[in-house]
Protein backbone atom coordinates (compact mmCIF):
# COMPACT_ATOMS: atom_id res chain seq x y z
CA MET A 1 12.53 -20.29 -16.20
CA TYR A 2 12.06 -18.28 -13.33
CA PRO A 3 7.77 -17.86 -12.49
CA ALA A 4 7.19 -14.09 -13.42
CA ASP A 5 4.02 -14.74 -11.37
CA ARG A 6 5.45 -15.38 -8.14
CA VAL A 7 7.88 -12.40 -7.90
CA GLN A 8 5.05 -10.40 -8.69
CA THR A 9 2.68 -11.60 -6.13
CA ASN A 10 5.93 -11.47 -3.51
CA LEU A 11 6.97 -7.89 -4.44
CA ARG A 12 3.77 -6.81 -4.22
CA LYS A 13 2.82 -8.10 -0.48
CA GLY A 14 5.59 -6.17 0.49
CA VAL A 15 4.70 -3.03 -0.33
CA LEU A 16 1.10 -3.20 -0.72
CA GLU A 17 0.62 -1.92 3.31
CA TRP A 18 2.91 0.95 2.51
CA CYS A 19 1.32 1.73 -1.48
CA ALA A 20 -1.97 2.03 0.64
CA LEU A 21 -0.99 4.49 3.43
CA ALA A 22 0.85 6.78 0.69
CA VAL A 23 -3.02 6.72 -1.04
CA ILE A 24 -4.76 7.50 2.02
CA ARG A 25 -1.85 9.97 2.91
CA SER A 26 -3.24 11.91 0.11
CA GLY A 27 -7.01 12.45 1.69
CA ASP A 28 -9.55 10.40 3.50
CA VAL A 29 -10.63 7.70 1.65
CA TYR A 30 -13.27 4.95 1.30
CA GLY A 31 -12.20 1.24 1.46
CA ARG A 32 -13.40 0.19 -1.88
CA ASP A 33 -12.12 3.47 -3.61
CA LEU A 34 -9.32 2.55 -1.99
CA ALA A 35 -9.43 -0.89 -2.97
CA HIS A 36 -10.11 0.00 -6.56
CA THR A 37 -7.00 2.75 -6.83
CA LEU A 38 -4.23 -0.38 -5.51
CA ALA A 39 -6.09 -2.42 -7.78
CA GLY A 40 -5.65 -0.47 -10.73
CA LEU A 41 -2.22 0.58 -9.72
CA GLY A 42 -1.37 -3.51 -10.19
CA LEU A 43 -0.50 -3.81 -6.16
CA LEU A 44 -4.33 -5.47 -5.08
CA ALA A 45 -5.31 -8.73 -6.60
CA SER A 46 -8.10 -9.10 -4.48
CA GLU A 47 -10.25 -6.72 -2.22
CA GLY A 48 -10.86 -9.16 0.36
CA SER A 49 -7.45 -8.60 1.39
CA LEU A 50 -7.36 -5.14 1.89
CA TYR A 51 -9.64 -5.13 4.66
CA PRO A 52 -7.09 -7.33 7.18
CA LEU A 53 -4.46 -4.68 6.15
CA LEU A 54 -6.78 -1.69 6.95
CA SER A 55 -7.31 -3.44 10.45
CA ARG A 56 -3.48 -3.91 11.04
CA LEU A 57 -3.36 -0.46 10.04
CA ARG A 58 -5.46 0.80 12.82
CA GLU A 59 -4.65 -1.44 15.14
CA SER A 60 -0.82 0.42 14.84
CA GLY A 61 -2.41 3.83 15.37
CA TRP A 62 -1.18 4.25 11.30
CA VAL A 63 -4.86 5.12 10.03
CA GLU A 64 -7.50 6.24 11.84
CA THR A 65 -11.23 6.19 10.55
CA ARG A 66 -15.00 7.73 10.64
CA TRP A 67 -18.07 6.94 9.56
CA ALA A 68 -20.13 9.32 6.92
CA GLU A 69 -23.61 8.58 5.60
CA SER A 70 -24.00 7.49 2.53
CA ASP A 71 -26.62 8.37 -0.39
CA ALA A 72 -26.31 4.86 -1.99
CA GLY A 73 -26.88 3.04 1.33
CA PRO A 74 -25.58 2.32 4.99
CA PRO A 75 -22.80 4.50 6.18
CA ARG A 76 -19.39 4.31 5.00
CA ARG A 77 -15.84 3.50 6.82
CA TYR A 78 -13.41 6.51 5.63
CA TYR A 79 -9.79 5.62 6.38
CA ARG A 80 -7.28 8.87 7.41
CA ILE A 81 -3.52 9.03 7.99
CA THR A 82 -2.48 9.83 11.38
CA PRO A 83 0.54 11.71 12.22
CA GLU A 84 2.54 8.32 13.26
CA GLY A 85 0.87 6.94 9.40
CA ARG A 86 2.68 9.68 8.06
CA ASP A 87 5.65 9.41 9.83
CA ALA A 88 5.76 5.61 8.58
CA VAL A 89 5.56 6.13 4.95
CA ALA A 90 7.87 8.48 4.89
CA GLY A 91 10.28 6.22 6.46
CA PHE A 92 9.41 3.63 4.23
CA GLU A 93 9.93 6.37 1.10
CA ASP A 94 13.30 6.72 2.26
CA SER A 95 14.02 3.09 2.90
CA TRP A 96 12.32 2.18 -0.57
CA ARG A 97 14.60 5.07 -2.66
CA ALA A 98 17.66 3.39 -1.12
CA LEU A 99 17.00 -0.08 -2.02
CA SER A 100 15.75 0.31 -5.14
CA THR A 101 18.87 2.42 -6.10
CA SER A 102 20.88 -0.99 -4.88
CA VAL A 103 18.50 -3.38 -6.64
CA GLU A 104 19.14 -1.01 -9.86
CA SER A 105 22.78 -0.94 -9.60
CA ALA A 106 23.00 -4.91 -8.96
CA LEU A 107 20.71 -5.43 -12.30
CA GLY A 108 23.32 -2.86 -14.34
CA ARG A 109 26.44 -4.92 -13.22
CA THR A 110 27.68 -6.80 -16.30
CA THR A 111 30.43 -9.71 -15.68
CA ASP A 112 33.15 -10.49 -17.52
CA GLY A 113 32.65 -14.07 -18.71
C-alpha cells in the first residue's frame, strides 16, 4: 500500500508557497494569523516552517512587510502582496487549473483488463 501521508506531505510542500500568496492577496496579514489560516485549511503542518517561506517570498519581491503596534505586546510584522506577487500567484492559478484538469483526466481513465 502506498503511504498516503507521504503523498499529502509532498503535495502540501509543493503548493504551500502559492497558497500563502493567495491568502495574503486578500489583504495584509499577520504571520501568526496566516499560519492559523493555512493550518485550518490543512496546508501547514508546523508554524515554524512558514517563517522561512515568508522570508523567501520577501526576498523574491513577492511580498513586502510593515510593522504595526500591538495592544497585546511587541509590534507585529504584517505581510502584503506586491504587484509581482499578484502576477506570480495568477500564473500559478493558470498552471494549477491546467495541471489539475490533466490529473483528473488521468485518474478518471479506465483500462481494459
